[in-house]
Amino acid sequence: MKIKLQRFGGLLPVMKEATAEVDWSDQEVNKLLENIARNVSASLNERDATSHYLEVNGRSVPVDLQKIPAPYKKTFEELKENLKFKKE
């Protein structure tokens, strides 16, 4: 299964993204998303804030990278290191 981490915002509003191929089950992905999903409305008032989204199976979910469970940290660290500017 392919996952995509996207980062939006910052001082200069840009978008970066990285993809990875993982062998997680649908059940694992659903549980992970339950744990790391972020409340979007809570962060709308933060000026120059960055937002991260995880796209899986065509579904994009706002996520809090501070909540990543230990078994998935390595994958997300690699995704963060590989974030590249998206050309539109």
PDB file of N, CA and C in Angstrom:
ATOM      1  N   MET A   1       0.851  -1.167   0.000  1.00  0.00           N
ATOM      2  CA  MET A   1       0.000   0.000   0.000  1.00  0.00           C
ATOM      3  C   MET A   1       0.900   1.234   0.000  1.00  0.00           C
ATOM      4  N   LYS A   2       0.495   2.225  -0.773  1.00  0.00           N
ATOM      5  CA  LYS A   2       1.266   3.464  -0.851  1.00  0.00           C
ATOM      6  C   LYS A   2       0.650   4.498   0.091  1.00  0.00           C
ATOM      7  N   ILE A   3       1.508   5.173   0.866  1.00  0.00           N
ATOM      8  CA  ILE A   3       1.059   6.268   1.716  1.00  0.00           C
ATOM      9  C   ILE A   3       1.805   7.529   1.302  1.00  0.00           C
ATOM     10  N   LYS A   4       1.165   8.674   1.539  1.00  0.00           N
ATOM     11  CA  LYS A   4       1.775   9.950   1.181  1.00  0.00           C
ATOM     12  C   LYS A   4       1.643  10.906   2.362  1.00  0.00           C
ATOM     13  N   LEU A   5       2.768  11.481   2.788  1.00  0.00           N
ATOM     14  CA  LEU A   5       2.769  12.509   3.821  1.00  0.00           C
ATOM     15  C   LEU A   5       2.867  13.852   3.120  1.00  0.00           C
ATOM     16  N   GLN A   6       1.970  14.770   3.479  1.00  0.00           N
ATOM     17  CA  GLN A   6       1.974  16.107   2.897  1.00  0.00           C
ATOM     18  C   GLN A   6       2.131  17.137   4.004  1.00  0.00           C
ATOM     19  N   ARG A   7       2.916  18.179   3.708  1.00  0.00           N
ATOM     20  CA  ARG A   7       3.086  19.276   4.658  1.00  0.00           C
ATOM     21  C   ARG A   7       2.688  20.570   3.959  1.00  0.00           C
ATOM     22  N   PHE A   8       1.813  21.326   4.605  1.00  0.00           N
ATOM     23  CA  PHE A   8       1.337  22.597   4.072  1.00  0.00           C
ATOM     24  C   PHE A   8       1.691  23.709   5.042  1.00  0.00           C
ATOM     25  N   GLY A   9       1.867  24.915   4.506  1.00  0.00           N
ATOM     26  CA  GLY A   9       1.985  26.097   5.345  1.00  0.00           C
ATOM     27  C   GLY A   9       3.396  26.475   5.693  1.00  0.00           C
ATOM     28  N   GLY A  10       3.496  27.218   6.791  1.00  0.00           N
ATOM     29  CA  GLY A  10       4.765  27.765   7.227  1.00  0.00           C
ATOM     30  C   GLY A  10       4.824  29.247   6.901  1.00  0.00           C
ATOM     31  N   LEU A  11       5.969  29.864   7.134  1.00  0.00           N
ATOM     32  CA  LEU A  11       6.128  31.285   6.834  1.00  0.00           C
ATOM     33  C   LEU A  11       5.875  31.571   5.361  1.00  0.00           C
ATOM     34  N   LEU A  12       6.396  30.718   4.515  1.00  0.00           N
ATOM     35  CA  LEU A  12       6.104  30.787   3.083  1.00  0.00           C
ATOM     36  C   LEU A  12       5.163  29.631   2.786  1.00  0.00           C
ATOM     37  N   PRO A  13       3.916  29.927   2.456  1.00  0.00           N
ATOM     38  CA  PRO A  13       2.941  28.845   2.277  1.00  0.00           C
ATOM     39  C   PRO A  13       3.268  27.959   1.074  1.00  0.00           C
ATOM     40  N   VAL A  14       3.887  26.845   1.359  1.00  0.00           N
ATOM     41  CA  VAL A  14       4.266  25.893   0.321  1.00  0.00           C
ATOM     42  C   VAL A  14       3.775  24.500   0.700  1.00  0.00           C
ATOM     43  N   MET A  15       3.792  23.626  -0.289  1.00  0.00           N
ATOM     44  CA  MET A  15       3.408  22.240  -0.037  1.00  0.00           C
ATOM     45  C   MET A  15       4.586  21.335  -0.365  1.00  0.00           C
ATOM     46  N   LYS A  16       4.838  20.405   0.549  1.00  0.00           N
ATOM     47  CA  LYS A  16       5.850  19.378   0.326  1.00  0.00           C
ATOM     48  C   LYS A  16       5.174  18.032   0.506  1.00  0.00           C
ATOM     49  N   GLU A  17       5.715  17.018  -0.168  1.00  0.00           N
ATOM     50  CA  GLU A  17       5.151  15.683   0.012  1.00  0.00           C
ATOM     51  C   GLU A  17       6.203  14.608  -0.211  1.00  0.00           C
ATOM     52  N   ALA A  18       5.935  13.454   0.389  1.00  0.00           N
ATOM     53  CA  ALA A  18       6.796  12.283   0.240  1.00  0.00           C
ATOM     54  C   ALA A  18       5.897  11.055   0.265  1.00  0.00           C
ATOM     55  N   THR A  19       6.299  10.031  -0.467  1.00  0.00           N
ATOM     56  CA  THR A  19       5.525   8.794  -0.493  1.00  0.00           C
ATOM     57  C   THR A  19       6.390   7.621  -0.053  1.00  0.00           C
ATOM     58  N   ALA A  20       5.717   6.586   0.418  1.00  0.00           N
ATOM     59  CA  ALA A  20       6.401   5.359   0.821  1.00  0.00           C
ATOM     60  C   ALA A  20       5.471   4.185   0.556  1.00  0.00           C
ATOM     61  N   GLU A  21       6.069   3.059   0.309  1.00  0.00           N
ATOM     62  CA  GLU A  21       5.326   1.810   0.141  1.00  0.00           C
ATOM     63  C   GLU A  21       5.413   1.064   1.467  1.00  0.00           C
ATOM     64  N   VAL A  22       4.265   0.691   2.035  1.00  0.00           N
ATOM     65  CA  VAL A  22       4.234  -0.009   3.322  1.00  0.00           C
ATOM     66  C   VAL A  22       3.407  -1.285   3.185  1.00  0.00           C
ATOM     67  N   ASP A  23       3.617  -2.207   4.109  1.00  0.00           N
ATOM     68  CA  ASP A  23       2.852  -3.458   4.079  1.00  0.00           C
ATOM     69  C   ASP A  23       1.893  -3.538   5.266  1.00  0.00           C
ATOM     70  N   TRP A  24       1.257  -2.431   5.571  1.00  0.00           N
ATOM     71  CA  TRP A  24       0.303  -2.371   6.672  1.00  0.00           C
ATOM     72  C   TRP A  24      -1.063  -2.849   6.203  1.00  0.00           C
ATOM     73  N   SER A  25      -1.783  -3.511   7.099  1.00  0.00           N
ATOM     74  CA  SER A  25      -3.143  -3.948   6.784  1.00  0.00           C
ATOM     75  C   SER A  25      -4.091  -2.749   6.892  1.00  0.00           C
ATOM     76  N   ASP A  26      -5.276  -2.889   6.307  1.00  0.00           N
ATOM     77  CA  ASP A  26      -6.280  -1.826   6.407  1.00  0.00           C
ATOM     78  C   ASP A  26      -6.643  -1.568   7.863  1.00  0.00           C
ATOM     79  N   GLN A  27      -6.691  -2.643   8.659  1.00  0.00           N
ATOM     80  CA  GLN A  27      -7.015  -2.510  10.077  1.00  0.00           C
ATOM     81  C   GLN A  27      -5.931  -1.700  10.800  1.00  0.00           C
ATOM     82  N   GLU A  28      -4.662  -1.975  10.500  1.00  0.00           N
ATOM     83  CA  GLU A  28      -3.555  -1.218  11.095  1.00  0.00           C
ATOM     84  C   GLU A  28      -3.644   0.260  10.739  1.00  0.00           C
ATOM     85  N   VAL A  29      -3.918   0.530   9.473  1.00  0.00           N
ATOM     86  CA  VAL A  29      -4.002   1.919   9.006  1.00  0.00           C
ATOM     87  C   VAL A  29      -5.136   2.648   9.713  1.00  0.00           C
ATOM     88  N   ASN A  30      -6.290   2.007   9.815  1.00  0.00           N
ATOM     89  CA  ASN A  30      -7.428   2.636  10.490  1.00  0.00           C
ATOM     90  C   ASN A  30      -7.118   2.942  11.946  1.00  0.00           C
ATOM     91  N   LYS A  31      -6.470   2.000  12.637  1.00  0.00           N
ATOM     92  CA  LYS A  31      -6.119   2.218  14.041  1.00  0.00           C
ATOM     93  C   LYS A  31      -5.084   3.342  14.164  1.00  0.00           C
ATOM     94  N   LEU A  32      -4.101   3.350  13.265  1.00  0.00           N
ATOM     95  CA  LEU A  32      -3.089   4.405  13.268  1.00  0.00           C
ATOM     96  C   LEU A  32      -3.741   5.768  13.072  1.00  0.00           C
ATOM     97  N   LEU A  33      -4.625   5.874  12.088  1.00  0.00           N
ATOM     98  CA  LEU A  33      -5.286   7.146  11.819  1.00  0.00           C
ATOM     99  C   LEU A  33      -6.136   7.607  12.996  1.00  0.00           C
ATOM    100  N   GLU A  34      -6.772   6.674  13.694  1.00  0.00           N
ATOM    101  CA  GLU A  34      -7.536   7.034  14.894  1.00  0.00           C
ATOM    102  C   GLU A  34      -6.626   7.667  15.940  1.00  0.00           C
ATOM    103  N   ASN A  35      -5.406   7.136  16.062  1.00  0.00           N
ATOM    104  CA  ASN A  35      -4.467   7.618  17.078  1.00  0.00           C
ATOM    105  C   ASN A  35      -3.817   8.949  16.731  1.00  0.00           C
ATOM    106  N   ILE A  36      -3.590   9.198  15.446  1.00  0.00           N
ATOM    107  CA  ILE A  36      -2.811  10.383  15.077  1.00  0.00           C
ATOM    108  C   ILE A  36      -3.633  11.486  14.414  1.00  0.00           C
ATOM    109  N   ALA A  37      -4.929  11.261  14.211  1.00  0.00           N
ATOM    110  CA  ALA A  37      -5.764  12.286  13.576  1.00  0.00           C
ATOM    111  C   ALA A  37      -5.755  13.552  14.425  1.00  0.00           C
ATOM    112  N   ARG A  38      -5.746  14.691  13.735  1.00  0.00           N
ATOM    113  CA  ARG A  38      -5.676  15.992  14.395  1.00  0.00           C
ATOM    114  C   ARG A  38      -6.963  16.759  14.123  1.00  0.00           C
ATOM    115  N   ASN A  39      -7.396  17.534  15.110  1.00  0.00           N
ATOM    116  CA  ASN A  39      -8.570  18.382  14.974  1.00  0.00           C
ATOM    117  C   ASN A  39      -8.169  19.621  14.177  1.00  0.00           C
ATOM    118  N   VAL A  40      -8.658  19.747  12.954  1.00  0.00           N
ATOM    119  CA  VAL A  40      -8.262  20.844  12.071  1.00  0.00           C
ATOM    120  C   VAL A  40      -8.698  22.196  12.613  1.00  0.00           C
ATOM    121  N   SER A  41      -9.909  22.313  13.120  1.00  0.00           N
ATOM    122  CA  SER A  41     -10.410  23.614  13.562  1.00  0.00           C
ATOM    123  C   SER A  41      -9.594  24.186  14.715  1.00  0.00           C
ATOM    124  N   ALA A  42      -8.957  23.341  15.500  1.00  0.00           N
ATOM    125  CA  ALA A  42      -8.156  23.819  16.628  1.00  0.00           C
ATOM    126  C   ALA A  42      -6.911  24.555  16.159  1.00  0.00           C
ATOM    127  N   SER A  43      -6.407  24.233  14.980  1.00  0.00           N
ATOM    128  CA  SER A  43      -5.165  24.844  14.515  1.00  0.00           C
ATOM    129  C   SER A  43      -5.374  25.925  13.455  1.00  0.00           C
ATOM    130  N   LEU A  44      -6.609  26.211  13.090  1.00  0.00           N
ATOM    131  CA  LEU A  44      -6.859  27.198  12.049  1.00  0.00           C
ATOM    132  C   LEU A  44      -6.416  28.602  12.442  1.00  0.00           C
ATOM    133  N   ASN A  45      -6.396  28.898  13.722  1.00  0.00           N
ATOM    134  CA  ASN A  45      -6.047  30.239  14.180  1.00  0.00           C
ATOM    135  C   ASN A  45      -4.554  30.445  14.363  1.00  0.00           C
ATOM    136  N   GLU A  46      -3.748  29.419  14.197  1.00  0.00           N
ATOM    137  CA  GLU A  46      -2.307  29.530  14.377  1.00  0.00           C
ATOM    138  C   GLU A  46      -1.680  30.130  13.125  1.00  0.00           C
ATOM    139  N   ARG A  47      -1.104  31.309  13.279  1.00  0.00           N
ATOM    140  CA  ARG A  47      -0.486  31.981  12.133  1.00  0.00           C
ATOM    141  C   ARG A  47       0.809  31.272  11.743  1.00  0.00           C
ATOM    142  N   ASP A  48       1.015  31.135  10.466  1.00  0.00           N
ATOM    143  CA  ASP A  48       2.229  30.529   9.912  1.00  0.00           C
ATOM    144  C   ASP A  48       2.456  29.095  10.379  1.00  0.00           C
ATOM    145  N   ALA A  49       1.404  28.426  10.794  1.00  0.00           N
ATOM    146  CA  ALA A  49       1.530  27.048  11.268  1.00  0.00           C
ATOM    147  C   ALA A  49       1.686  26.097  10.084  1.00  0.00           C
ATOM    148  N   THR A  50       2.355  24.986  10.336  1.00  0.00           N
ATOM    149  CA  THR A  50       2.433  23.942   9.322  1.00  0.00           C
ATOM    150  C   THR A  50       1.437  22.851   9.679  1.00  0.00           C
ATOM    151  N   SER A  51       0.874  22.250   8.670  1.00  0.00           N
ATOM    152  CA  SER A  51      -0.080  21.166   8.854  1.00  0.00           C
ATOM    153  C   SER A  51       0.411  19.963   8.074  1.00  0.00           C
ATOM    154  N   HIS A  52       0.228  18.792   8.669  1.00  0.00           N
ATOM    155  CA  HIS A  52       0.604  17.545   8.004  1.00  0.00           C
ATOM    156  C   HIS A  52      -0.652  16.725   7.742  1.00  0.00           C
ATOM    157  N   TYR A  53      -0.672  16.097   6.573  1.00  0.00           N
ATOM    158  CA  TYR A  53      -1.773  15.228   6.181  1.00  0.00           C
ATOM    159  C   TYR A  53      -1.195  13.905   5.720  1.00  0.00           C
ATOM    160  N   LEU A  54      -1.900  12.826   6.042  1.00  0.00           N
ATOM    161  CA  LEU A  54      -1.512  11.508   5.567  1.00  0.00           C
ATOM    162  C   LEU A  54      -2.576  11.042   4.588  1.00  0.00           C
ATOM    163  N   GLU A  55      -2.137  10.716   3.384  1.00  0.00           N
ATOM    164  CA  GLU A  55      -3.054  10.225   2.362  1.00  0.00           C
ATOM    165  C   GLU A  55      -2.860   8.723   2.196  1.00  0.00           C
ATOM    166  N   VAL A  56      -3.964   7.985   2.378  1.00  0.00           N
ATOM    167  CA  VAL A  56      -3.958   6.531   2.254  1.00  0.00           C
ATOM    168  C   VAL A  56      -5.224   6.125   1.510  1.00  0.00           C
ATOM    169  N   ASN A  57      -5.058   5.323   0.474  1.00  0.00           N
ATOM    170  CA  ASN A  57      -6.209   4.835  -0.300  1.00  0.00           C
ATOM    171  C   ASN A  57      -7.128   5.972  -0.752  1.00  0.00           C
ATOM    172  N   GLY A  58      -6.549   7.093  -1.178  1.00  0.00           N
ATOM    173  CA  GLY A  58      -7.331   8.217  -1.664  1.00  0.00           C
ATOM    174  C   GLY A  58      -7.969   9.066  -0.584  1.00  0.00           C
ATOM    175  N   ARG A  59      -7.727   8.741   0.658  1.00  0.00           N
ATOM    176  CA  ARG A  59      -8.298   9.472   1.796  1.00  0.00           C
ATOM    177  C   ARG A  59      -7.189  10.276   2.457  1.00  0.00           C
ATOM    178  N   SER A  60      -7.393  11.585   2.617  1.00  0.00           N
ATOM    179  CA  SER A  60      -6.397  12.456   3.224  1.00  0.00           C
ATOM    180  C   SER A  60      -6.888  12.900   4.599  1.00  0.00           C
ATOM    181  N   VAL A  61      -6.056  12.659   5.631  1.00  0.00           N
ATOM    182  CA  VAL A  61      -6.444  12.936   7.013  1.00  0.00           C
ATOM    183  C   VAL A  61      -5.401  13.848   7.654  1.00  0.00           C
ATOM    184  N   PRO A  62      -5.841  14.942   8.323  1.00  0.00           N
ATOM    185  CA  PRO A  62      -4.879  15.773   9.044  1.00  0.00           C
ATOM    186  C   PRO A  62      -4.326  14.984  10.228  1.00  0.00           C
ATOM    187  N   VAL A  63      -2.995  15.029  10.408  1.00  0.00           N
ATOM    188  CA  VAL A  63      -2.377  14.217  11.455  1.00  0.00           C
ATOM    189  C   VAL A  63      -1.450  15.046  12.337  1.00  0.00           C
ATOM    190  N   ASP A  64      -1.254  14.549  13.554  1.00  0.00           N
ATOM    191  CA  ASP A  64      -0.319  15.130  14.520  1.00  0.00           C
ATOM    192  C   ASP A  64       0.881  14.193  14.593  1.00  0.00           C
ATOM    193  N   LEU A  65       2.010  14.631  14.064  1.00  0.00           N
ATOM    194  CA  LEU A  65       3.193  13.769  14.013  1.00  0.00           C
ATOM    195  C   LEU A  65       3.791  13.494  15.388  1.00  0.00           C
ATOM    196  N   GLN A  66       3.380  14.236  16.401  1.00  0.00           N
ATOM    197  CA  GLN A  66       3.856  13.985  17.760  1.00  0.00           C
ATOM    198  C   GLN A  66       3.195  12.745  18.364  1.00  0.00           C
ATOM    199  N   LYS A  67       2.121  12.278  17.758  1.00  0.00           N
ATOM    200  CA  LYS A  67       1.362  11.138  18.294  1.00  0.00           C
ATOM    201  C   LYS A  67       1.680   9.815  17.603  1.00  0.00           C
ATOM    202  N   ILE A  68       2.702   9.779  16.762  1.00  0.00           N
ATOM    203  CA  ILE A  68       3.021   8.558  16.017  1.00  0.00           C
ATOM    204  C   ILE A  68       3.466   7.460  16.985  1.00  0.00           C
ATOM    205  N   PRO A  69       2.803   6.293  16.983  1.00  0.00           N
ATOM    206  CA  PRO A  69       3.215   5.182  17.847  1.00  0.00           C
ATOM    207  C   PRO A  69       4.597   4.645  17.436  1.00  0.00           C
ATOM    208  N   ALA A  70       5.304   4.103  18.385  1.00  0.00           N
ATOM    209  CA  ALA A  70       6.682   3.629  18.190  1.00  0.00           C
ATOM    210  C   ALA A  70       6.874   2.732  16.959  1.00  0.00           C
ATOM    211  N   PRO A  71       5.999   1.755  16.700  1.00  0.00           N
ATOM    212  CA  PRO A  71       6.242   0.872  15.548  1.00  0.00           C
ATOM    213  C   PRO A  71       6.252   1.595  14.190  1.00  0.00           C
ATOM    214  N   TYR A  72       5.706   2.799  14.133  1.00  0.00           N
ATOM    215  CA  TYR A  72       5.595   3.529  12.868  1.00  0.00           C
ATOM    216  C   TYR A  72       6.551   4.716  12.771  1.00  0.00           C
ATOM    217  N   LYS A  73       7.265   5.015  13.857  1.00  0.00           N
ATOM    218  CA  LYS A  73       8.137   6.199  13.891  1.00  0.00           C
ATOM    219  C   LYS A  73       9.184   6.201  12.782  1.00  0.00           C
ATOM    220  N   LYS A  74       9.819   5.076  12.536  1.00  0.00           N
ATOM    221  CA  LYS A  74      10.871   5.021  11.518  1.00  0.00           C
ATOM    222  C   LYS A  74      10.320   5.400  10.143  1.00  0.00           C
ATOM    223  N   THR A  75       9.168   4.864   9.798  1.00  0.00           N
ATOM    224  CA  THR A  75       8.555   5.171   8.504  1.00  0.00           C
ATOM    225  C   THR A  75       8.270   6.663   8.382  1.00  0.00           C
ATOM    226  N   PHE A  76       7.720   7.252   9.448  1.00  0.00           N
ATOM    227  CA  PHE A  76       7.380   8.671   9.393  1.00  0.00           C
ATOM    228  C   PHE A  76       8.625   9.556   9.418  1.00  0.00           C
ATOM    229  N   GLU A  77       9.672   9.139  10.110  1.00  0.00           N
ATOM    230  CA  GLU A  77      10.928   9.898  10.083  1.00  0.00           C
ATOM    231  C   GLU A  77      11.500   9.910   8.668  1.00  0.00           C
ATOM    232  N   GLU A  78      11.451   8.764   7.998  1.00  0.00           N
ATOM    233  CA  GLU A  78      11.934   8.691   6.616  1.00  0.00           C
ATOM    234  C   GLU A  78      11.082   9.555   5.692  1.00  0.00           C
ATOM    235  N   LEU A  79       9.778   9.540   5.893  1.00  0.00           N
ATOM    236  CA  LEU A  79       8.909  10.387   5.085  1.00  0.00           C
ATOM    237  C   LEU A  79       9.248  11.862   5.296  1.00  0.00           C
ATOM    238  N   LYS A  80       9.431  12.265   6.559  1.00  0.00           N
ATOM    239  CA  LYS A  80       9.764  13.671   6.843  1.00  0.00           C
ATOM    240  C   LYS A  80      11.085  14.066   6.195  1.00  0.00           C
ATOM    241  N   GLU A  81      12.070  13.176   6.236  1.00  0.00           N
ATOM    242  CA  GLU A  81      13.374  13.461   5.629  1.00  0.00           C
ATOM    243  C   GLU A  81      13.281  13.586   4.113  1.00  0.00           C
ATOM    244  N   ASN A  82      12.318  12.910   3.511  1.00  0.00           N
ATOM    245  CA  ASN A  82      12.193  12.890   2.052  1.00  0.00           C
ATOM    246  C   ASN A  82      11.163  13.872   1.502  1.00  0.00           C
ATOM    247  N   LEU A  83      10.623  14.747   2.354  1.00  0.00           N
ATOM    248  CA  LEU A  83       9.655  15.723   1.867  1.00  0.00           C
ATOM    249  C   LEU A  83      10.290  16.606   0.798  1.00  0.00           C
ATOM    250  N   LYS A  84       9.622  16.721  -0.333  1.00  0.00           N
ATOM    251  CA  LYS A  84      10.097  17.534  -1.455  1.00  0.00           C
ATOM    252  C   LYS A  84       9.002  18.515  -1.862  1.00  0.00           C
ATOM    253  N   PHE A  85       9.421  19.666  -2.364  1.00  0.00           N
ATOM    254  CA  PHE A  85       8.458  20.650  -2.845  1.00  0.00           C
ATOM    255  C   PHE A  85       7.639  20.061  -3.977  1.00  0.00           C
ATOM    256  N   LYS A  86       6.344  20.327  -3.931  1.00  0.00           N
ATOM    257  CA  LYS A  86       5.467  19.859  -5.005  1.00  0.00           C
ATOM    258  C   LYS A  86       5.300  20.996  -5.997  1.00  0.00           C
ATOM    259  N   LYS A  87       5.578  20.707  -7.241  1.00  0.00           N
ATOM    260  CA  LYS A  87       5.397  21.695  -8.302  1.00  0.00           C
ATOM    261  C   LYS A  87       3.976  21.597  -8.816  1.00  0.00           C
ATOM    262  N   GLU A  88       3.331  22.733  -8.912  1.00  0.00           N
ATOM    263  CA  GLU A  88       1.945  22.728  -9.394  1.00  0.00           C
ATOM    264  C   GLU A  88       1.852  23.288 -10.771  1.00  0.00           C
TER     265      GLU A  88
END
